């Protein structure tokens, strides 16, 4: 179960970083420190990182559901 929680946390961090950087660079014209490497490719890079984070988090969520349902 710990592995699925790690997937969930890493995925949520990826979603925040990706979608947050796309939002900050497009709406406010700012500079997201951890996504500075992708400034030339925004908002596509931010959306891609956010979707990847969503996929990783969904693996964690589905794994936790599967473990909880098998315990019943």
PDB file of N, CA and C in Angstrom:
ATOM      1  N   UNK A   1       0.822  -1.195   0.000  1.00  0.00           N
ATOM      2  CA  UNK A   1       0.000   0.000   0.000  1.00  0.00           C
ATOM      3  C   UNK A   1       0.866   1.259   0.000  1.00  0.00           C
ATOM      4  N   UNK A   2       2.057   1.177   0.578  1.00  0.00           N
ATOM      5  CA  UNK A   2       2.933   2.331   0.633  1.00  0.00           C
ATOM      6  C   UNK A   2       3.377   2.800  -0.741  1.00  0.00           C
ATOM      7  N   UNK A   3       3.544   1.840  -1.660  1.00  0.00           N
ATOM      8  CA  UNK A   3       3.953   2.189  -3.013  1.00  0.00           C
ATOM      9  C   UNK A   3       2.872   3.002  -3.709  1.00  0.00           C
ATOM     10  N   UNK A   4       1.620   2.631  -3.499  1.00  0.00           N
ATOM     11  CA  UNK A   4       0.528   3.364  -4.135  1.00  0.00           C
ATOM     12  C   UNK A   4       0.379   4.766  -3.562  1.00  0.00           C
ATOM     13  N   UNK A   5       0.653   4.922  -2.282  1.00  0.00           N
ATOM     14  CA  UNK A   5       0.626   6.257  -1.682  1.00  0.00           C
ATOM     15  C   UNK A   5       1.746   7.108  -2.266  1.00  0.00           C
ATOM     16  N   UNK A   6       2.909   6.499  -2.493  1.00  0.00           N
ATOM     17  CA  UNK A   6       4.014   7.232  -3.109  1.00  0.00           C
ATOM     18  C   UNK A   6       3.648   7.670  -4.523  1.00  0.00           C
ATOM     19  N   UNK A   7       3.004   6.787  -5.300  1.00  0.00           N
ATOM     20  CA  UNK A   7       2.547   7.156  -6.635  1.00  0.00           C
ATOM     21  C   UNK A   7       1.567   8.324  -6.568  1.00  0.00           C
ATOM     22  N   UNK A   8       0.671   8.271  -5.603  1.00  0.00           N
ATOM     23  CA  UNK A   8      -0.322   9.330  -5.452  1.00  0.00           C
ATOM     24  C   UNK A   8       0.343  10.672  -5.140  1.00  0.00           C
ATOM     25  N   UNK A   9       1.279  10.679  -4.212  1.00  0.00           N
ATOM     26  CA  UNK A   9       1.954  11.917  -3.818  1.00  0.00           C
ATOM     27  C   UNK A   9       2.792  12.466  -4.968  1.00  0.00           C
ATOM     28  N   UNK A  10       3.561  11.604  -5.625  1.00  0.00           N
ATOM     29  CA  UNK A  10       4.388  12.047  -6.748  1.00  0.00           C
ATOM     30  C   UNK A  10       3.514  12.567  -7.883  1.00  0.00           C
ATOM     31  N   UNK A  11       2.397  11.907  -8.133  1.00  0.00           N
ATOM     32  CA  UNK A  11       1.488  12.355  -9.175  1.00  0.00           C
ATOM     33  C   UNK A  11       0.867  13.708  -8.881  1.00  0.00           C
ATOM     34  N   UNK A  12       0.476  13.914  -7.637  1.00  0.00           N
ATOM     35  CA  UNK A  12      -0.108  15.201  -7.260  1.00  0.00           C
ATOM     36  C   UNK A  12       0.928  16.316  -7.386  1.00  0.00           C
ATOM     37  N   UNK A  13       2.158  16.034  -6.985  1.00  0.00           N
ATOM     38  CA  UNK A  13       3.222  17.034  -7.139  1.00  0.00           C
ATOM     39  C   UNK A  13       3.434  17.342  -8.620  1.00  0.00           C
ATOM     40  N   UNK A  14       3.418  16.326  -9.460  1.00  0.00           N
ATOM     41  CA  UNK A  14       3.558  16.539 -10.900  1.00  0.00           C
ATOM     42  C   UNK A  14       2.424  17.360 -11.483  1.00  0.00           C
ATOM     43  N   UNK A  15       1.213  17.094 -11.024  1.00  0.00           N
ATOM     44  CA  UNK A  15       0.065  17.871 -11.507  1.00  0.00           C
ATOM     45  C   UNK A  15       0.192  19.334 -11.111  1.00  0.00           C
ATOM     46  N   UNK A  16       0.563  19.587  -9.874  1.00  0.00           N
ATOM     47  CA  UNK A  16       0.702  20.968  -9.402  1.00  0.00           C
ATOM     48  C   UNK A  16       1.808  21.683 -10.173  1.00  0.00           C
ATOM     49  N   UNK A  17       2.934  21.005 -10.351  1.00  0.00           N
ATOM     50  CA  UNK A  17       4.043  21.617 -11.074  1.00  0.00           C
ATOM     51  C   UNK A  17       3.681  21.894 -12.524  1.00  0.00           C
ATOM     52  N   UNK A  18       3.106  20.915 -13.187  1.00  0.00           N
ATOM     53  CA  UNK A  18       2.806  21.068 -14.607  1.00  0.00           C
ATOM     54  C   UNK A  18       1.713  22.075 -14.891  1.00  0.00           C
ATOM     55  N   UNK A  19       0.549  21.851 -14.301  1.00  0.00           N
ATOM     56  CA  UNK A  19      -0.564  22.761 -14.560  1.00  0.00           C
ATOM     57  C   UNK A  19      -0.305  24.144 -13.975  1.00  0.00           C
ATOM     58  N   UNK A  20       0.372  24.184 -12.826  1.00  0.00           N
ATOM     59  CA  UNK A  20       0.697  25.471 -12.215  1.00  0.00           C
ATOM     60  C   UNK A  20       1.649  26.289 -13.068  1.00  0.00           C
ATOM     61  N   UNK A  21       2.652  25.629 -13.632  1.00  0.00           N
ATOM     62  CA  UNK A  21       3.597  26.365 -14.475  1.00  0.00           C
ATOM     63  C   UNK A  21       2.938  26.861 -15.751  1.00  0.00           C
ATOM     64  N   UNK A  22       2.061  26.053 -16.331  1.00  0.00           N
ATOM     65  CA  UNK A  22       1.355  26.498 -17.536  1.00  0.00           C
ATOM     66  C   UNK A  22       0.474  27.703 -17.219  1.00  0.00           C
ATOM     67  N   UNK A  23      -0.196  27.662 -16.081  1.00  0.00           N
ATOM     68  CA  UNK A  23      -1.073  28.751 -15.683  1.00  0.00           C
ATOM     69  C   UNK A  23      -0.280  30.023 -15.384  1.00  0.00           C
ATOM     70  N   UNK A  24       0.802  29.891 -14.629  1.00  0.00           N
ATOM     71  CA  UNK A  24       1.587  31.068 -14.250  1.00  0.00           C
ATOM     72  C   UNK A  24       2.216  31.736 -15.469  1.00  0.00           C
ATOM     73  N   UNK A  25       2.766  30.942 -16.385  1.00  0.00           N
ATOM     74  CA  UNK A  25       3.428  31.545 -17.539  1.00  0.00           C
ATOM     75  C   UNK A  25       2.445  32.134 -18.538  1.00  0.00           C
ATOM     76  N   UNK A  26       1.262  31.557 -18.655  1.00  0.00           N
ATOM     77  CA  UNK A  26       0.310  32.043 -19.647  1.00  0.00           C
ATOM     78  C   UNK A  26      -0.576  33.180 -19.123  1.00  0.00           C
ATOM     79  N   UNK A  27      -1.001  33.081 -17.885  1.00  0.00           N
ATOM     80  CA  UNK A  27      -1.937  34.074 -17.347  1.00  0.00           C
ATOM     81  C   UNK A  27      -1.205  35.278 -16.768  1.00  0.00           C
ATOM     82  N   UNK A  28      -0.193  35.014 -15.946  1.00  0.00           N
ATOM     83  CA  UNK A  28       0.476  36.101 -15.260  1.00  0.00           C
ATOM     84  C   UNK A  28       1.836  36.446 -15.841  1.00  0.00           C
ATOM     85  N   UNK A  29       2.290  35.712 -16.838  1.00  0.00           N
ATOM     86  CA  UNK A  29       3.584  35.987 -17.448  1.00  0.00           C
ATOM     87  C   UNK A  29       4.751  35.782 -16.511  1.00  0.00           C
ATOM     88  N   UNK A  30       4.560  34.953 -15.508  1.00  0.00           N
ATOM     89  CA  UNK A  30       5.586  34.740 -14.496  1.00  0.00           C
ATOM     90  C   UNK A  30       6.570  33.657 -14.896  1.00  0.00           C
ATOM     91  N   UNK A  31       7.379  33.303 -13.928  1.00  0.00           N
ATOM     92  CA  UNK A  31       8.433  32.324 -14.142  1.00  0.00           C
ATOM     93  C   UNK A  31       8.358  31.302 -13.021  1.00  0.00           C
ATOM     94  N   UNK A  32       7.930  30.101 -13.309  1.00  0.00           N
ATOM     95  CA  UNK A  32       7.803  29.027 -12.325  1.00  0.00           C
ATOM     96  C   UNK A  32       9.184  28.418 -12.143  1.00  0.00           C
ATOM     97  N   UNK A  33       9.732  28.505 -10.941  1.00  0.00           N
ATOM     98  CA  UNK A  33      11.138  28.168 -10.710  1.00  0.00           C
ATOM     99  C   UNK A  33      11.493  26.730 -11.095  1.00  0.00           C
ATOM    100  N   UNK A  34      10.689  25.756 -10.708  1.00  0.00           N
ATOM    101  CA  UNK A  34      11.041  24.367 -10.981  1.00  0.00           C
ATOM    102  C   UNK A  34      10.796  23.958 -12.429  1.00  0.00           C
ATOM    103  N   UNK A  35      10.067  24.758 -13.183  1.00  0.00           N
ATOM    104  CA  UNK A  35       9.818  24.444 -14.586  1.00  0.00           C
ATOM    105  C   UNK A  35      10.509  25.468 -15.495  1.00  0.00           C
ATOM    106  N   UNK A  36      11.549  26.103 -14.996  1.00  0.00           N
ATOM    107  CA  UNK A  36      12.264  27.107 -15.782  1.00  0.00           C
ATOM    108  C   UNK A  36      12.874  26.511 -17.049  1.00  0.00           C
ATOM    109  N   UNK A  37      13.236  25.233 -17.005  1.00  0.00           N
ATOM    110  CA  UNK A  37      13.821  24.568 -18.163  1.00  0.00           C
ATOM    111  C   UNK A  37      12.852  24.495 -19.333  1.00  0.00           C
ATOM    112  N   UNK A  38      11.567  24.622 -19.074  1.00  0.00           N
ATOM    113  CA  UNK A  38      10.558  24.442 -20.117  1.00  0.00           C
ATOM    114  C   UNK A  38       9.899  25.750 -20.542  1.00  0.00           C
ATOM    115  N   UNK A  39      10.493  26.878 -20.244  1.00  0.00           N
ATOM    116  CA  UNK A  39       9.858  28.158 -20.582  1.00  0.00           C
ATOM    117  C   UNK A  39       9.610  28.313 -22.079  1.00  0.00           C
ATOM    118  N   UNK A  40      10.498  27.793 -22.887  1.00  0.00           N
ATOM    119  CA  UNK A  40      10.335  27.919 -24.339  1.00  0.00           C
ATOM    120  C   UNK A  40       9.164  27.088 -24.857  1.00  0.00           C
ATOM    121  N   UNK A  41       8.822  26.039 -24.141  1.00  0.00           N
ATOM    122  CA  UNK A  41       7.794  25.113 -24.611  1.00  0.00           C
ATOM    123  C   UNK A  41       6.477  25.218 -23.848  1.00  0.00           C
ATOM    124  N   UNK A  42       6.283  26.274 -23.091  1.00  0.00           N
ATOM    125  CA  UNK A  42       5.034  26.451 -22.344  1.00  0.00           C
ATOM    126  C   UNK A  42       3.946  26.903 -23.292  1.00  0.00           C
ATOM    127  N   UNK A  43       2.732  26.567 -23.133  1.00  0.00           N
ATOM    128  CA  UNK A  43       2.097  25.787 -22.084  1.00  0.00           C
ATOM    129  C   UNK A  43       2.094  24.288 -22.359  1.00  0.00           C
ATOM    130  N   UNK A  44       2.619  23.851 -23.512  1.00  0.00           N
ATOM    131  CA  UNK A  44       2.561  22.431 -23.870  1.00  0.00           C
ATOM    132  C   UNK A  44       3.329  21.579 -22.864  1.00  0.00           C
ATOM    133  N   UNK A  45       4.518  22.008 -22.470  1.00  0.00           N
ATOM    134  CA  UNK A  45       5.313  21.231 -21.518  1.00  0.00           C
ATOM    135  C   UNK A  45       4.618  21.158 -20.162  1.00  0.00           C
ATOM    136  N   UNK A  46       4.034  22.251 -19.720  1.00  0.00           N
ATOM    137  CA  UNK A  46       3.328  22.241 -18.442  1.00  0.00           C
ATOM    138  C   UNK A  46       2.124  21.322 -18.455  1.00  0.00           C
ATOM    139  N   UNK A  47       1.386  21.352 -19.543  1.00  0.00           N
ATOM    140  CA  UNK A  47       0.222  20.475 -19.654  1.00  0.00           C
ATOM    141  C   UNK A  47       0.666  19.018 -19.720  1.00  0.00           C
ATOM    142  N   UNK A  48       1.747  18.742 -20.445  1.00  0.00           N
ATOM    143  CA  UNK A  48       2.251  17.367 -20.547  1.00  0.00           C
ATOM    144  C   UNK A  48       2.705  16.837 -19.189  1.00  0.00           C
ATOM    145  N   UNK A  49       3.411  17.654 -18.431  1.00  0.00           N
ATOM    146  CA  UNK A  49       3.854  17.236 -17.092  1.00  0.00           C
ATOM    147  C   UNK A  49       2.646  17.048 -16.178  1.00  0.00           C
ATOM    148  N   UNK A  50       1.655  17.928 -16.291  1.00  0.00           N
ATOM    149  CA  UNK A  50       0.448  17.797 -15.478  1.00  0.00           C
ATOM    150  C   UNK A  50      -0.339  16.537 -15.805  1.00  0.00           C
ATOM    151  N   UNK A  51      -0.451  16.208 -17.074  1.00  0.00           N
ATOM    152  CA  UNK A  51      -1.168  14.987 -17.468  1.00  0.00           C
ATOM    153  C   UNK A  51      -0.399  13.748 -17.024  1.00  0.00           C
ATOM    154  N   UNK A  52       0.927  13.786 -17.143  1.00  0.00           N
ATOM    155  CA  UNK A  52       1.737  12.671 -16.653  1.00  0.00           C
ATOM    156  C   UNK A  52       1.543  12.487 -15.147  1.00  0.00           C
ATOM    157  N   UNK A  53       1.510  13.590 -14.414  1.00  0.00           N
ATOM    158  CA  UNK A  53       1.240  13.519 -12.976  1.00  0.00           C
ATOM    159  C   UNK A  53      -0.138  12.957 -12.688  1.00  0.00           C
ATOM    160  N   UNK A  54      -1.112  13.327 -13.500  1.00  0.00           N
ATOM    161  CA  UNK A  54      -2.463  12.792 -13.335  1.00  0.00           C
ATOM    162  C   UNK A  54      -2.486  11.284 -13.553  1.00  0.00           C
ATOM    163  N   UNK A  55      -1.764  10.808 -14.549  1.00  0.00           N
ATOM    164  CA  UNK A  55      -1.699   9.370 -14.803  1.00  0.00           C
ATOM    165  C   UNK A  55      -1.029   8.628 -13.655  1.00  0.00           C
ATOM    166  N   UNK A  56       0.061   9.180 -13.144  1.00  0.00           N
ATOM    167  CA  UNK A  56       0.751   8.535 -12.026  1.00  0.00           C
ATOM    168  C   UNK A  56      -0.128   8.522 -10.781  1.00  0.00           C
ATOM    169  N   UNK A  57      -0.805   9.631 -10.509  1.00  0.00           N
ATOM    170  CA  UNK A  57      -1.693   9.689  -9.349  1.00  0.00           C
ATOM    171  C   UNK A  57      -2.858   8.715  -9.501  1.00  0.00           C
ATOM    172  N   UNK A  58      -3.372   8.558 -10.720  1.00  0.00           N
ATOM    173  CA  UNK A  58      -4.494   7.636 -10.914  1.00  0.00           C
ATOM    174  C   UNK A  58      -4.064   6.191 -10.695  1.00  0.00           C
ATOM    175  N   UNK A  59      -2.802   5.870 -10.979  1.00  0.00           N
ATOM    176  CA  UNK A  59      -2.295   4.528 -10.660  1.00  0.00           C
ATOM    177  C   UNK A  59      -2.332   4.316  -9.151  1.00  0.00           C
ATOM    178  N   UNK A  60      -1.901   5.328  -8.412  1.00  0.00           N
ATOM    179  CA  UNK A  60      -1.940   5.229  -6.957  1.00  0.00           C
ATOM    180  C   UNK A  60      -3.353   5.113  -6.416  1.00  0.00           C
ATOM    181  N   UNK A  61      -4.270   5.911  -6.963  1.00  0.00           N
ATOM    182  CA  UNK A  61      -5.659   5.857  -6.493  1.00  0.00           C
ATOM    183  C   UNK A  61      -6.299   4.513  -6.801  1.00  0.00           C
ATOM    184  N   UNK A  62      -6.090   3.998  -7.997  1.00  0.00           N
ATOM    185  CA  UNK A  62      -6.712   2.714  -8.356  1.00  0.00           C
ATOM    186  C   UNK A  62      -6.095   1.566  -7.564  1.00  0.00           C
ATOM    187  N   UNK A  63      -4.802   1.641  -7.302  1.00  0.00           N
ATOM    188  CA  UNK A  63      -4.164   0.608  -6.495  1.00  0.00           C
ATOM    189  C   UNK A  63      -4.677   0.589  -5.073  1.00  0.00           C
ATOM    190  N   UNK A  64      -4.896   1.756  -4.508  1.00  0.00           N
ATOM    191  CA  UNK A  64      -5.440   1.813  -3.146  1.00  0.00           C
ATOM    192  C   UNK A  64      -6.864   1.283  -3.107  1.00  0.00           C
ATOM    193  N   UNK A  65      -7.660   1.606  -4.127  1.00  0.00           N
ATOM    194  CA  UNK A  65      -9.037   1.088  -4.174  1.00  0.00           C
ATOM    195  C   UNK A  65      -9.037  -0.427  -4.288  1.00  0.00           C
ATOM    196  N   UNK A  66      -8.141  -0.966  -5.109  1.00  0.00           N
ATOM    197  CA  UNK A  66      -8.072  -2.404  -5.293  1.00  0.00           C
ATOM    198  C   UNK A  66      -7.686  -3.099  -3.985  1.00  0.00           C
ATOM    199  N   UNK A  67      -6.756  -2.535  -3.234  1.00  0.00           N
ATOM    200  CA  UNK A  67      -6.347  -3.124  -1.964  1.00  0.00           C
ATOM    201  C   UNK A  67      -7.492  -3.059  -0.959  1.00  0.00           C
ATOM    202  N   UNK A  68      -8.181  -1.913  -0.897  1.00  0.00           N
ATOM    203  CA  UNK A  68      -9.294  -1.773   0.050  1.00  0.00           C
ATOM    204  C   UNK A  68     -10.433  -2.727  -0.285  1.00  0.00           C
ATOM    205  N   UNK A  69     -10.726  -2.919  -1.560  1.00  0.00           N
ATOM    206  CA  UNK A  69     -11.832  -3.809  -1.933  1.00  0.00           C
ATOM    207  C   UNK A  69     -11.477  -5.273  -1.714  1.00  0.00           C
ATOM    208  N   UNK A  70     -10.210  -5.633  -1.784  1.00  0.00           N
ATOM    209  CA  UNK A  70      -9.814  -7.026  -1.573  1.00  0.00           C
ATOM    210  C   UNK A  70      -9.805  -7.377  -0.089  1.00  0.00           C
ATOM    211  N   UNK A  71      -9.745  -6.391   0.780  1.00  0.00           N
ATOM    212  CA  UNK A  71      -9.747  -6.652   2.224  1.00  0.00           C
ATOM    213  C   UNK A  71     -11.147  -6.923   2.760  1.00  0.00           C
ATOM    214  N   UNK A  72     -12.146  -6.599   2.048  1.00  0.00           N
ATOM    215  CA  UNK A  72     -13.527  -6.775   2.540  1.00  0.00           C
ATOM    216  C   UNK A  72     -13.945  -8.195   2.517  1.00  0.00           C
TER     217      UNK A  72
END
